[in-house]
C-alpha atoms as a PDB file:
ATOM      1  CA  MET A   1       0.098   0.537   0.304  1.00  0.00           C
ATOM      2  CA  ALA A   2       3.001   2.313   0.789  1.00  0.00           C
ATOM      3  CA  LEU A   3       4.424   2.020  -2.412  1.00  0.00           C
ATOM      4  CA  GLU A   4       1.327   2.350  -4.152  1.00  0.00           C
ATOM      5  CA  LYS A   5       0.982   6.191  -2.150  1.00  0.00           C
ATOM      6  CA  MET A   6       4.494   7.050  -3.055  1.00  0.00           C
ATOM      7  CA  ALA A   7       3.750   6.489  -6.691  1.00  0.00           C
ATOM      8  CA  ASN A   8       1.265   9.277  -6.159  1.00  0.00           C
ATOM      9  CA  ILE A   9       4.053  12.034  -5.149  1.00  0.00           C
ATOM     10  CA  ASP A  10       4.908  14.578  -7.629  1.00  0.00           C
ATOM     11  CA  ARG A  11       8.545  13.269  -8.540  1.00  0.00           C
ATOM     12  CA  GLY A  12       8.835  17.409  -9.841  1.00  0.00           C
ATOM     13  CA  ARG A  13       9.171  18.808  -6.419  1.00  0.00           C
ATOM     14  CA  GLN A  14      12.655  18.394  -5.020  1.00  0.00           C
ATOM     15  CA  SER A  15      10.814  17.323  -1.655  1.00  0.00           C
ATOM     16  CA  PRO A  16       8.285  15.641  -0.310  1.00  0.00           C
ATOM     17  CA  THR A  17       5.781  17.357   2.452  1.00  0.00           C
ATOM     18  CA  VAL A  18       5.481  15.705   6.336  1.00  0.00           C
ATOM     19  CA  VAL A  19       1.361  15.314   4.570  1.00  0.00           C
ATOM     20  CA  GLU A  20       2.924  13.213   2.019  1.00  0.00           C
ATOM     21  CA  ILE A  21       5.369  10.711   4.280  1.00  0.00           C
ATOM     22  CA  ALA A  22       2.513  10.152   6.768  1.00  0.00           C
ATOM     23  CA  LYS A  23       0.186   9.003   3.697  1.00  0.00           C
ATOM     24  CA  CYS A  24       2.816   7.048   2.830  1.00  0.00           C
ATOM     25  CA  ALA A  25       3.718   5.475   6.270  1.00  0.00           C
ATOM     26  CA  GLY A  26      -0.345   5.096   7.220  1.00  0.00           C
ATOM     27  CA  CYS A  27      -0.115   7.289   9.695  1.00  0.00           C
ATOM     28  CA  SER A  28      -0.949  10.885  11.603  1.00  0.00           C
ATOM     29  CA  ILE A  29       0.943  13.901  11.146  1.00  0.00           C
ATOM     30  CA  ALA A  30       2.271  14.137  14.139  1.00  0.00           C
ATOM     31  CA  THR A  31       3.644  10.486  14.108  1.00  0.00           C
ATOM     32  CA  VAL A  32       5.510  11.447  11.685  1.00  0.00           C
ATOM     33  CA  SER A  33       6.538  14.876  13.181  1.00  0.00           C
ATOM     34  CA  ARG A  34       7.912  12.574  16.696  1.00  0.00           C
ATOM     35  CA  VAL A  35       9.550  10.439  14.541  1.00  0.00           C
ATOM     36  CA  LEU A  36      11.793  13.692  12.955  1.00  0.00           C
ATOM     37  CA  ASN A  37      12.418  15.054  16.281  1.00  0.00           C
ATOM     38  CA  ARG A  38      11.991  13.001  19.065  1.00  0.00           C
ATOM     39  CA  PRO A  39      12.419   9.244  17.094  1.00  0.00           C
ATOM     40  CA  GLU A  40      12.740   7.383  21.143  1.00  0.00           C
ATOM     41  CA  THR A  41       9.153   7.825  21.142  1.00  0.00           C
ATOM     42  CA  VAL A  42       7.710   6.122  18.691  1.00  0.00           C
ATOM     43  CA  ALA A  43       7.486   2.329  18.423  1.00  0.00           C
ATOM     44  CA  ILE A  44      10.309   1.130  16.677  1.00  0.00           C
ATOM     45  CA  ASP A  45       9.021  -0.719  13.676  1.00  0.00           C
ATOM     46  CA  LEU A  46       6.679   1.982  12.720  1.00  0.00           C
ATOM     47  CA  ARG A  47       9.431   4.360  13.444  1.00  0.00           C
ATOM     48  CA  GLU A  48      11.671   2.412  11.095  1.00  0.00           C
ATOM     49  CA  ARG A  49       9.112   2.554   8.578  1.00  0.00           C
ATOM     50  CA  ILE A  50       8.610   6.227   8.516  1.00  0.00           C
ATOM     51  CA  LEU A  51      12.533   6.747   8.423  1.00  0.00           C
ATOM     52  CA  ARG A  52      12.789   3.995   5.440  1.00  0.00           C
ATOM     53  CA  LEU A  53      10.389   6.487   3.415  1.00  0.00           C
ATOM     54  CA  VAL A  54      11.842   9.548   4.512  1.00  0.00           C
ATOM     55  CA  ASP A  55      15.073   8.322   3.216  1.00  0.00           C
ATOM     56  CA  GLU A  56      13.730   6.846  -0.186  1.00  0.00           C
ATOM     57  CA  LEU A  57      11.431   9.973  -0.733  1.00  0.00           C
ATOM     58  CA  GLY A  58      14.265  12.329  -0.239  1.00  0.00           C
ATOM     59  CA  TYR A  59      12.623  14.174   2.777  1.00  0.00           C
ATOM     60  CA  VAL A  60      13.960  17.374   4.720  1.00  0.00           C
ATOM     61  CA  PRO A  61      12.460  19.887   6.477  1.00  0.00           C
ATOM     62  CA  ASN A  62      11.106  23.150   4.169  1.00  0.00           C
ATOM     63  CA  GLY A  63      12.815  25.413   7.259  1.00  0.00           C
ATOM     64  CA  SER A  64      15.986  24.406   5.543  1.00  0.00           C
ATOM     65  CA  ALA A  65      14.600  25.520   2.321  1.00  0.00           C
ATOM     66  CA  ARG A  66      13.432  28.881   3.561  1.00  0.00           C
ATOM     67  CA  ALA A  67      16.314  29.497   5.500  1.00  0.00           C
ATOM     68  CA  LEU A  68      18.700  28.659   1.975  1.00  0.00           C
ATOM     69  CA  ARG A  69      16.332  30.910  -0.034  1.00  0.00           C
ATOM     70  CA  SER A  70      16.581  33.769   2.217  1.00  0.00           C
ATOM     71  CA  SER A  71      20.043  34.181   2.742  1.00  0.00           C
ATOM     72  CA  ARG A  72      23.838  32.192   3.436  1.00  0.00           C
ATOM     73  CA  SER A  73      23.984  31.134   6.169  1.00  0.00           C
ATOM     74  CA  ARG A  74      27.831  31.079   6.030  1.00  0.00           C
ATOM     75  CA  LEU A  75      27.766  27.782   7.999  1.00  0.00           C
ATOM     76  CA  ILE A  76      29.829  24.984   6.780  1.00  0.00           C
ATOM     77  CA  GLY A  77      29.223  21.421   7.072  1.00  0.00           C
ATOM     78  CA  LEU A  78      32.195  18.588   7.167  1.00  0.00           C
ATOM     79  CA  ILE A  79      31.576  15.210   7.067  1.00  0.00           C
ATOM     80  CA  VAL A  80      34.679  12.804   8.138  1.00  0.00           C
ATOM     81  CA  PRO A  81      34.070   9.123   8.969  1.00  0.00           C
ATOM     82  CA  THR A  82      35.867   9.155  12.430  1.00  0.00           C
ATOM     83  CA  LEU A  83      36.858  11.972  14.849  1.00  0.00           C
ATOM     84  CA  ASP A  84      39.471   9.734  16.153  1.00  0.00           C
ATOM     85  CA  ALA A  85      42.133  10.343  13.508  1.00  0.00           C
ATOM     86  CA  ALA A  86      44.319  13.109  14.272  1.00  0.00           C
ATOM     87  CA  ILE A  87      44.563  13.698  10.667  1.00  0.00           C
ATOM     88  CA  PHE A  88      41.159  14.962  10.218  1.00  0.00           C
ATOM     89  CA  THR A  89      42.036  17.263  12.283  1.00  0.00           C
ATOM     90  CA  ARG A  90      44.943  18.633  10.823  1.00  0.00           C
ATOM     91  CA  MET A  91      42.162  19.189   8.089  1.00  0.00           C
ATOM     92  CA  LEU A  92      39.502  20.721   9.722  1.00  0.00           C
ATOM     93  CA  GLU A  93      42.151  23.310  10.958  1.00  0.00           C
ATOM     94  CA  GLY A  94      43.291  24.231   7.824  1.00  0.00           C
ATOM     95  CA  LEU A  95      39.415  24.586   6.853  1.00  0.00           C
ATOM     96  CA  GLU A  96      39.048  27.151   9.845  1.00  0.00           C
ATOM     97  CA  SER A  97      42.495  29.382   8.735  1.00  0.00           C
ATOM     98  CA  ARG A  98      40.634  30.497   5.951  1.00  0.00           C
ATOM     99  CA  LEU A  99      37.146  30.035   7.122  1.00  0.00           C
ATOM    100  CA  ALA A 100      36.539  32.233  10.439  1.00  0.00           C
ATOM    101  CA  PRO A 101      38.440  35.460   9.043  1.00  0.00           C
ATOM    102  CA  ALA A 102      36.010  35.241   6.373  1.00  0.00           C
ATOM    103  CA  GLY A 103      33.239  35.131   9.348  1.00  0.00           C
ATOM    104  CA  ALA A 104      32.005  31.481   7.744  1.00  0.00           C
ATOM    105  CA  SER A 105      31.705  28.997  10.607  1.00  0.00           C
ATOM    106  CA  LEU A 106      31.917  25.115  10.617  1.00  0.00           C
ATOM    107  CA  VAL A 107      29.858  22.351  11.958  1.00  0.00           C
ATOM    108  CA  TYR A 108      31.538  19.105  11.792  1.00  0.00           C
ATOM    109  CA  SER A 109      29.645  14.995  12.191  1.00  0.00           C
ATOM    110  CA  ALA A 110      31.386  11.591  11.976  1.00  0.00           C
ATOM    111  CA  THR A 111      29.450   8.954  10.043  1.00  0.00           C
ATOM    112  CA  GLY A 112      31.859   5.565  11.113  1.00  0.00           C
ATOM    113  CA  TYR A 113      32.475   4.624   7.950  1.00  0.00           C
ATOM    114  CA  ASP A 114      28.990   4.187   7.804  1.00  0.00           C
ATOM    115  CA  LEU A 115      27.854   5.835   3.755  1.00  0.00           C
ATOM    116  CA  ASP A 116      24.176   4.874   5.038  1.00  0.00           C
ATOM    117  CA  ARG A 117      24.330   6.952   7.778  1.00  0.00           C
ATOM    118  CA  GLU A 118      26.286   9.482   5.930  1.00  0.00           C
ATOM    119  CA  ILE A 119      22.840  10.004   3.938  1.00  0.00           C
ATOM    120  CA  ARG A 120      20.912  10.992   7.178  1.00  0.00           C
ATOM    121  CA  VAL A 121      23.954  13.353   8.155  1.00  0.00           C
ATOM    122  CA  VAL A 122      23.759  15.044   5.422  1.00  0.00           C
ATOM    123  CA  ARG A 123      19.990  15.510   5.246  1.00  0.00           C
ATOM    124  CA  ASN A 124      20.218  17.005   8.894  1.00  0.00           C
ATOM    125  CA  LEU A 125      23.018  19.315   7.248  1.00  0.00           C
ATOM    126  CA  ILE A 126      20.738  20.583   4.945  1.00  0.00           C
ATOM    127  CA  GLU A 127      17.734  20.961   7.046  1.00  0.00           C
ATOM    128  CA  LYS A 128      20.118  23.590   9.148  1.00  0.00           C
ATOM    129  CA  GLY A 129      20.637  25.416   6.011  1.00  0.00           C
ATOM    130  CA  VAL A 130      24.338  24.683   6.082  1.00  0.00           C
ATOM    131  CA  ASP A 131      25.626  26.722   2.728  1.00  0.00           C
ATOM    132  CA  GLY A 132      27.878  24.107   1.674  1.00  0.00           C
ATOM    133  CA  ILE A 133      29.661  20.062   3.000  1.00  0.00           C
ATOM    134  CA  ILE A 134      32.755  18.923   2.890  1.00  0.00           C
ATOM    135  CA  LEU A 135      32.708  15.108   2.325  1.00  0.00           C
ATOM    136  CA  VAL A 136      35.708  12.744   2.968  1.00  0.00           C
ATOM    137  CA  GLY A 137      36.119  10.146  -0.405  1.00  0.00           C
ATOM    138  CA  SER A 138      35.158   9.620  -4.064  1.00  0.00           C
ATOM    139  CA  HIS A 139      32.782   6.655  -2.809  1.00  0.00           C
ATOM    140  CA  HIS A 140      29.481   7.574  -1.655  1.00  0.00           C
ATOM    141  CA  ARG A 141      25.648   6.366  -1.874  1.00  0.00           C
ATOM    142  CA  LYS A 142      24.147   7.883  -5.083  1.00  0.00           C
ATOM    143  CA  GLU A 143      21.560   9.153  -2.671  1.00  0.00           C
ATOM    144  CA  THR A 144      24.020  11.496  -0.614  1.00  0.00           C
ATOM    145  CA  LEU A 145      24.885  13.179  -4.037  1.00  0.00           C
ATOM    146  CA  LYS A 146      21.340  13.285  -5.428  1.00  0.00           C
ATOM    147  CA  LEU A 147      20.179  15.237  -1.653  1.00  0.00           C
ATOM    148  CA  LEU A 148      23.343  17.519  -2.635  1.00  0.00           C
ATOM    149  CA  ARG A 149      22.382  18.443  -6.107  1.00  0.00           C
ATOM    150  CA  GLU A 150      18.448  18.568  -5.226  1.00  0.00           C
ATOM    151  CA  HIS A 151      18.172  20.985  -2.946  1.00  0.00           C
ATOM    152  CA  LYS A 152      21.526  22.918  -4.529  1.00  0.00           C
ATOM    153  CA  VAL A 153      23.893  22.569  -1.977  1.00  0.00           C
ATOM    154  CA  ARG A 154      27.553  22.948  -3.212  1.00  0.00           C
ATOM    155  CA  PHE A 155      29.565  20.533  -1.809  1.00  0.00           C
ATOM    156  CA  ALA A 156      33.131  19.124  -2.957  1.00  0.00           C
ATOM    157  CA  VAL A 157      35.260  16.139  -1.943  1.00  0.00           C
ATOM    158  CA  THR A 158      38.516  15.510  -0.090  1.00  0.00           C
ATOM    159  CA  TYR A 159      41.720  13.131   0.791  1.00  0.00           C
ATOM    160  CA  ALA A 160      40.968  11.749  -3.389  1.00  0.00           C
ATOM    161  CA  LEU A 161      40.583  12.411  -6.589  1.00  0.00           C
ATOM    162  CA  SER A 162      36.872  12.224  -8.396  1.00  0.00           C
ATOM    163  CA  GLU A 163      36.786  10.087 -11.606  1.00  0.00           C
ATOM    164  CA  ASP A 164      33.770  12.465 -12.371  1.00  0.00           C
ATOM    165  CA  ALA A 165      34.732  15.669 -13.719  1.00  0.00           C
ATOM    166  CA  SER A 166      31.193  17.693 -12.580  1.00  0.00           C
ATOM    167  CA  ILE A 167      32.218  16.904  -8.943  1.00  0.00           C
ATOM    168  CA  PRO A 168      34.458  19.689  -7.298  1.00  0.00           C
ATOM    169  CA  CYS A 169      37.610  17.979  -4.958  1.00  0.00           C
ATOM    170  CA  MET A 170      40.538  18.507  -3.505  1.00  0.00           C
ATOM    171  CA  GLY A 171      42.693  15.772  -2.520  1.00  0.00           C
ATOM    172  CA  PHE A 172      45.507  13.538  -3.554  1.00  0.00           C
ATOM    173  CA  ASP A 173      46.035   9.800  -5.348  1.00  0.00           C
ATOM    174  CA  ASN A 174      45.661   7.245  -2.834  1.00  0.00           C
ATOM    175  CA  ARG A 175      47.211   4.727  -5.244  1.00  0.00           C
ATOM    176  CA  SER A 176      50.281   6.757  -5.427  1.00  0.00           C
ATOM    177  CA  GLY A 177      50.551   7.028  -2.242  1.00  0.00           C
ATOM    178  CA  GLY A 178      50.953   3.337  -1.304  1.00  0.00           C
ATOM    179  CA  ALA A 179      53.035   3.030  -4.276  1.00  0.00           C
ATOM    180  CA  LEU A 180      55.600   5.267  -3.271  1.00  0.00           C
ATOM    181  CA  ALA A 181      55.717   2.996   0.103  1.00  0.00           C
ATOM    182  CA  ALA A 182      56.178   0.136  -2.119  1.00  0.00           C
ATOM    183  CA  ASN A 183      58.671   1.336  -4.003  1.00  0.00           C
ATOM    184  CA  TYR A 184      60.813   2.505  -1.426  1.00  0.00           C
ATOM    185  CA  LEU A 185      60.827  -1.281  -0.225  1.00  0.00           C
ATOM    186  CA  ALA A 186      62.262  -2.288  -3.220  1.00  0.00           C
ATOM    187  CA  ASP A 187      64.498  -0.393  -3.319  1.00  0.00           C
ATOM    188  CA  LEU A 188      65.258  -1.574  -0.100  1.00  0.00           C
ATOM    189  CA  GLY A 189      65.189  -4.902  -1.196  1.00  0.00           C
ATOM    190  CA  HIS A 190      62.536  -6.095   0.603  1.00  0.00           C
ATOM    191  CA  LYS A 191      60.887  -8.812  -1.201  1.00  0.00           C
ATOM    192  CA  THR A 192      58.714 -10.468   1.098  1.00  0.00           C
ATOM    193  CA  LEU A 193      56.257  -8.111   2.556  1.00  0.00           C
ATOM    194  CA  ALA A 194      52.592  -7.524   4.290  1.00  0.00           C
ATOM    195  CA  VAL A 195      50.425  -4.628   4.470  1.00  0.00           C
ATOM    196  CA  ILE A 196      47.791  -3.946   7.402  1.00  0.00           C
ATOM    197  CA  ALA A 197      45.375  -1.936   5.010  1.00  0.00           C
ATOM    198  CA  GLY A 198      42.377  -0.192   6.586  1.00  0.00           C
ATOM    199  CA  VAL A 199      38.926  -1.993   5.696  1.00  0.00           C
ATOM    200  CA  THR A 200      38.477  -1.316   1.685  1.00  0.00           C
ATOM    201  CA  ARG A 201      34.692  -1.694   2.002  1.00  0.00           C
ATOM    202  CA  ASP A 202      33.193   1.649   1.269  1.00  0.00           C
ATOM    203  CA  ASN A 203      36.464   3.327   1.351  1.00  0.00           C
ATOM    204  CA  ASP A 204      38.296   4.302  -1.890  1.00  0.00           C
ATOM    205  CA  ARG A 205      40.902   5.839   0.466  1.00  0.00           C
ATOM    206  CA  ALA A 206      42.200   2.573   1.643  1.00  0.00           C
ATOM    207  CA  SER A 207      41.494   0.883  -1.209  1.00  0.00           C
ATOM    208  CA  GLY A 208      43.696   2.941  -3.566  1.00  0.00           C
ATOM    209  CA  ARG A 209      46.385   3.048  -0.946  1.00  0.00           C
ATOM    210  CA  LEU A 210      46.241  -1.050  -0.771  1.00  0.00           C
ATOM    211  CA  GLU A 211      45.857  -1.371  -4.885  1.00  0.00           C
ATOM    212  CA  GLY A 212      48.853   1.079  -5.603  1.00  0.00           C
ATOM    213  CA  PHE A 213      51.170  -0.526  -3.659  1.00  0.00           C
ATOM    214  CA  LEU A 214      50.687  -4.024  -4.925  1.00  0.00           C
ATOM    215  CA  ALA A 215      50.388  -2.474  -8.327  1.00  0.00           C
ATOM    216  CA  MET A 216      54.146  -1.097  -7.736  1.00  0.00           C
ATOM    217  CA  ALA A 217      55.825  -4.378  -6.016  1.00  0.00           C
ATOM    218  CA  GLU A 218      54.578  -6.407  -8.832  1.00  0.00           C
ATOM    219  CA  ARG A 219      55.930  -3.868 -11.612  1.00  0.00           C
ATOM    220  CA  ARG A 220      59.231  -3.975  -9.168  1.00  0.00           C
ATOM    221  CA  GLY A 221      59.064  -7.345  -9.426  1.00  0.00           C
ATOM    222  CA  ILE A 222      57.611  -8.627  -6.396  1.00  0.00           C
ATOM    223  CA  ASP A 223      55.414 -11.629  -6.580  1.00  0.00           C
ATOM    224  CA  ARG A 224      52.012 -11.209  -4.877  1.00  0.00           C
ATOM    225  CA  SER A 225      52.071 -14.363  -3.462  1.00  0.00           C
ATOM    226  CA  ARG A 226      55.370 -13.116  -1.107  1.00  0.00           C
ATOM    227  CA  ILE A 227      52.632  -9.964   0.315  1.00  0.00           C
ATOM    228  CA  VAL A 228      50.582 -11.187   3.443  1.00  0.00           C
ATOM    229  CA  VAL A 229      47.660  -8.480   3.548  1.00  0.00           C
ATOM    230  CA  VAL A 230      45.668  -7.940   6.463  1.00  0.00           C
ATOM    231  CA  GLU A 231      42.731  -5.219   6.937  1.00  0.00           C
ATOM    232  CA  SER A 232      41.948  -3.625  10.238  1.00  0.00           C
ATOM    233  CA  PRO A 233      40.111  -0.813  11.037  1.00  0.00           C
ATOM    234  CA  TYR A 234      42.579   2.202  12.408  1.00  0.00           C
ATOM    235  CA  GLU A 235      42.871   1.584  15.429  1.00  0.00           C
ATOM    236  CA  PHE A 236      46.170   0.983  17.880  1.00  0.00           C
ATOM    237  CA  SER A 237      45.391  -1.942  18.973  1.00  0.00           C
ATOM    238  CA  ARG A 238      43.993  -3.205  15.735  1.00  0.00           C
ATOM    239  CA  GLY A 239      47.542  -3.180  13.921  1.00  0.00           C
ATOM    240  CA  ARG A 240      49.271  -4.632  17.036  1.00  0.00           C
ATOM    241  CA  ALA A 241      47.370  -7.831  16.464  1.00  0.00           C
ATOM    242  CA  ALA A 242      47.401  -7.503  12.700  1.00  0.00           C
ATOM    243  CA  ALA A 243      51.239  -7.342  13.057  1.00  0.00           C
ATOM    244  CA  ARG A 244      50.681 -10.895  15.112  1.00  0.00           C
ATOM    245  CA  LEU A 245      48.845 -12.723  12.754  1.00  0.00           C
ATOM    246  CA  ILE A 246      51.455 -11.524  10.021  1.00  0.00           C
ATOM    247  CA  LEU A 247      54.158 -13.268  11.648  1.00  0.00           C
ATOM    248  CA  ASN A 248      52.215 -15.874  12.098  1.00  0.00           C
ATOM    249  CA  GLN A 249      51.032 -16.490   8.738  1.00  0.00           C
ATOM    250  CA  ASN A 250      54.576 -15.883   7.452  1.00  0.00           C
ATOM    251  CA  ARG A 251      57.942 -15.438   9.417  1.00  0.00           C
ATOM    252  CA  ASN A 252      59.834 -14.344   6.755  1.00  0.00           C
ATOM    253  CA  VAL A 253      58.294 -10.864   5.724  1.00  0.00           C
ATOM    254  CA  THR A 254      60.547  -8.493   5.851  1.00  0.00           C
ATOM    255  CA  ALA A 255      58.758  -5.433   5.497  1.00  0.00           C
ATOM    256  CA  ILE A 256      54.980  -4.058   6.843  1.00  0.00           C
ATOM    257  CA  PHE A 257      53.243  -1.304   4.730  1.00  0.00           C
ATOM    258  CA  CYS A 258      50.362   0.404   7.128  1.00  0.00           C
ATOM    259  CA  GLY A 259      47.276   2.403   5.355  1.00  0.00           C
ATOM    260  CA  SER A 260      47.714   4.556   8.154  1.00  0.00           C
ATOM    261  CA  ASP A 261      50.175   6.152  11.168  1.00  0.00           C
ATOM    262  CA  VAL A 262      47.334   4.889  14.094  1.00  0.00           C
ATOM    263  CA  LEU A 263      48.256   1.418  12.128  1.00  0.00           C
ATOM    264  CA  ALA A 264      51.733   1.608  12.030  1.00  0.00           C
ATOM    265  CA  VAL A 265      52.108   2.659  15.876  1.00  0.00           C
ATOM    266  CA  GLY A 266      49.956  -0.472  16.872  1.00  0.00           C
ATOM    267  CA  ALA A 267      52.359  -2.860  14.607  1.00  0.00           C
ATOM    268  CA  LEU A 268      55.379  -1.373  15.918  1.00  0.00           C
ATOM    269  CA  ARG A 269      53.921  -3.000  18.990  1.00  0.00           C
ATOM    270  CA  GLY A 270      53.294  -6.211  17.510  1.00  0.00           C
ATOM    271  CA  CYS A 271      56.899  -7.085  15.930  1.00  0.00           C
ATOM    272  CA  LYS A 272      57.967  -5.919  19.546  1.00  0.00           C
ATOM    273  CA  ASP A 273      55.915  -8.947  21.434  1.00  0.00           C
ATOM    274  CA  ALA A 274      57.000 -11.063  18.940  1.00  0.00           C
ATOM    275  CA  GLY A 275      60.136 -10.245  19.742  1.00  0.00           C
ATOM    276  CA  LEU A 276      61.412  -8.220  16.329  1.00  0.00           C
ATOM    277  CA  CYS A 277      63.790  -4.996  16.314  1.00  0.00           C
ATOM    278  CA  VAL A 278      62.732  -2.361  13.886  1.00  0.00           C
ATOM    279  CA  PRO A 279      64.304  -1.647  11.428  1.00  0.00           C
ATOM    280  CA  GLN A 280      67.197  -4.510  12.129  1.00  0.00           C
ATOM    281  CA  ASP A 281      64.969  -7.297  11.862  1.00  0.00           C
ATOM    282  CA  MET A 282      61.636  -5.754  10.295  1.00  0.00           C
ATOM    283  CA  SER A 283      60.687  -2.230   8.539  1.00  0.00           C
ATOM    284  CA  ILE A 284      57.732  -0.090   9.094  1.00  0.00           C
ATOM    285  CA  ILE A 285      55.773   2.462   7.031  1.00  0.00           C
ATOM    286  CA  GLY A 286      52.956   4.083   8.133  1.00  0.00           C
ATOM    287  CA  PHE A 287      50.797   7.020   6.121  1.00  0.00           C
ATOM    288  CA  ASP A 288      49.547  10.298   7.122  1.00  0.00           C
ATOM    289  CA  ASN A 289      52.466  11.617   8.600  1.00  0.00           C
ATOM    290  CA  LEU A 290      50.723  12.458  11.829  1.00  0.00           C
ATOM    291  CA  ASP A 291      52.583  14.783  14.369  1.00  0.00           C
ATOM    292  CA  ILE A 292      53.377  11.151  16.421  1.00  0.00           C
ATOM    293  CA  ALA A 293      55.332   9.524  13.885  1.00  0.00           C
ATOM    294  CA  GLU A 294      58.293  11.872  14.067  1.00  0.00           C
ATOM    295  CA  TYR A 295      58.666  11.300  18.013  1.00  0.00           C
ATOM    296  CA  LEU A 296      57.946   7.547  18.165  1.00  0.00           C
ATOM    297  CA  THR A 297      61.328   5.439  18.740  1.00  0.00           C
ATOM    298  CA  PRO A 298      62.359   4.626  16.064  1.00  0.00           C
ATOM    299  CA  GLY A 299      60.645   7.340  14.244  1.00  0.00           C
ATOM    300  CA  LEU A 300      58.074   6.525  11.548  1.00  0.00           C
ATOM    301  CA  THR A 301      59.192   6.560   8.064  1.00  0.00           C
ATOM    302  CA  THR A 302      55.533   7.474   6.442  1.00  0.00           C
ATOM    303  CA  VAL A 303      53.768   8.879   3.751  1.00  0.00           C
ATOM    304  CA  ASP A 304      52.786  12.925   4.532  1.00  0.00           C
ATOM    305  CA  VAL A 305      49.216  13.759   3.633  1.00  0.00           C
ATOM    306  CA  PRO A 306      48.923  17.659   3.097  1.00  0.00           C
ATOM    307  CA  ALA A 307      45.970  17.444   5.921  1.00  0.00           C
ATOM    308  CA  ARG A 308      45.817  21.306   6.530  1.00  0.00           C
ATOM    309  CA  LEU A 309      46.601  22.435   3.059  1.00  0.00           C
ATOM    310  CA  MET A 310      43.670  20.451   1.513  1.00  0.00           C
ATOM    311  CA  GLY A 311      41.486  21.873   4.480  1.00  0.00           C
ATOM    312  CA  GLU A 312      42.489  25.403   2.824  1.00  0.00           C
ATOM    313  CA  GLU A 313      42.342  24.662  -0.264  1.00  0.00           C
ATOM    314  CA  ALA A 314      38.663  23.131   0.122  1.00  0.00           C
ATOM    315  CA  ALA A 315      37.832  26.499   2.176  1.00  0.00           C
ATOM    316  CA  ASN A 316      38.683  27.862  -0.643  1.00  0.00           C
ATOM    317  CA  TYR A 317      36.267  26.202  -2.461  1.00  0.00           C
ATOM    318  CA  PHE A 318      33.315  27.448  -0.466  1.00  0.00           C
ATOM    319  CA  LEU A 319      34.587  30.685   0.071  1.00  0.00           C
ATOM    320  CA  ALA A 320      34.665  31.756  -3.608  1.00  0.00           C
ATOM    321  CA  ASP A 321      32.046  33.708  -5.786  1.00  0.00           C
ATOM    322  CA  GLN A 322      29.997  32.018  -8.454  1.00  0.00           C
ATOM    323  CA  ASN A 323      32.086  33.694 -10.971  1.00  0.00           C
ATOM    324  CA  SER A 324      35.544  32.274  -9.758  1.00  0.00           C
ATOM    325  CA  LEU A 325      34.303  28.444  -8.747  1.00  0.00           C
ATOM    326  CA  ASP A 326      36.563  26.770 -11.619  1.00  0.00           C
ATOM    327  CA  ILE A 327      39.829  28.050 -10.623  1.00  0.00           C
ATOM    328  CA  HIS A 328      38.972  25.760  -7.051  1.00  0.00           C
ATOM    329  CA  SER A 329      37.212  22.748  -7.908  1.00  0.00           C
ATOM    330  CA  ARG A 330      39.919  20.626  -8.691  1.00  0.00           C
ATOM    331  CA  VAL A 331      43.166  20.600  -6.455  1.00  0.00           C
ATOM    332  CA  GLU A 332      45.423  17.801  -6.969  1.00  0.00           C
ATOM    333  CA  LEU A 333      47.722  17.833  -3.776  1.00  0.00           C
ATOM    334  CA  GLU A 334      50.882  15.577  -4.277  1.00  0.00           C
ATOM    335  CA  THR A 335      51.782  12.828  -1.329  1.00  0.00           C
ATOM    336  CA  ARG A 336      55.561  12.343  -0.522  1.00  0.00           C
ATOM    337  CA  LEU A 337      57.617   9.570   1.336  1.00  0.00           C
ATOM    338  CA  ILE A 338      59.283  10.838   4.641  1.00  0.00           C
ATOM    339  CA  VAL A 339      62.542   8.800   5.345  1.00  0.00           C
ATOM    340  CA  ARG A 340      62.998   7.792   8.965  1.00  0.00           C
ATOM    341  CA  GLU A 341      64.267   4.982  11.292  1.00  0.00           C
ATOM    342  CA  SER A 342      61.817   2.579  10.733  1.00  0.00           C
ATOM    343  CA  THR A 343      62.933   1.624   7.848  1.00  0.00           C
ATOM    344  CA  ALA A 344      66.431  -0.256   6.670  1.00  0.00           C
ATOM    345  CA  PRO A 345      67.565  -2.233   4.050  1.00  0.00           C
ATOM    346  CA  ALA A 346      66.304  -5.796   4.095  1.00  0.00           C
ATOM    347  CA  ARG A 347      68.181  -9.130   5.645  1.00  0.00           C
ATOM    348  CA  ASP A 348      67.490 -12.234   5.619  1.00  0.00           C
ATOM    349  CA  ARG A 349      65.971 -13.767   9.173  1.00  0.00           C
ATOM    350  CA  GLN A 350      66.362 -17.211   9.827  1.00  0.00           C
END
């Protein structure tokens, strides 16, 4: 029945009304309102049915549309996968260094690497009347991009380069970053390698770094069968556990590339647990160049991500007037390898 009612909604409009949502759900307008404002007061089955319709129909409260029509809010939304990683803090600092002097404010939210949750966060920010939204990565649900375009909200992606020329981006090539690590380890003579990648599902940054590393290793003559790959959430303890797992699978591994510095710190501890010395017995490379990388013992070799500059460039795009948008709509930044003491030439381990 709900599907039949949905078919009667005028698809030419940007967003359905609360009345239409209530009709489709077979409930009162007041119930829909409670689900949107105080969801805990509505029975879970009915609540989920209404929220499903809200997602499917692309509903956004009318208050947002009024705010956007009346004047610019000078409010920019930043949606990141997590607030735990210091790398996103650097980008945030870059954004605020440009936005604050221009009288603009930043509001941010985390999705927990959940692209379905990202849809709801985007809808919430549109409701708040933001002028623009910054996303992380180039892979998003179609519903997310549809919402942004239908409501004419300026948006851009960071930490990646979009293949879609219509999507503004300020980022870098994650594959190239992974390739830098593989090339350097090959230069050091390492032949039996391991990768502790981030979870690649719905994460184009993690998958890009892994793909770039594997492709370069193959190009340098390292057989894929000699590379152990483990995927892990970006947590210190998970990096430690992954290193143990790698050593259990192949004790001959002499170098580990980690998809983030957080994982690399955990891997350092995991190697120490196994009685290995870094870099004498095991070389380790991270990714991000967080502040902690320089102060570890040994200092961590890592791929530097220009996170603060990326934030500044993203802010420039949102502060630009309509006539200069094209100048700021695609900014490709470079990653570079920072060599410290956690890597050394390979040597056989008996």
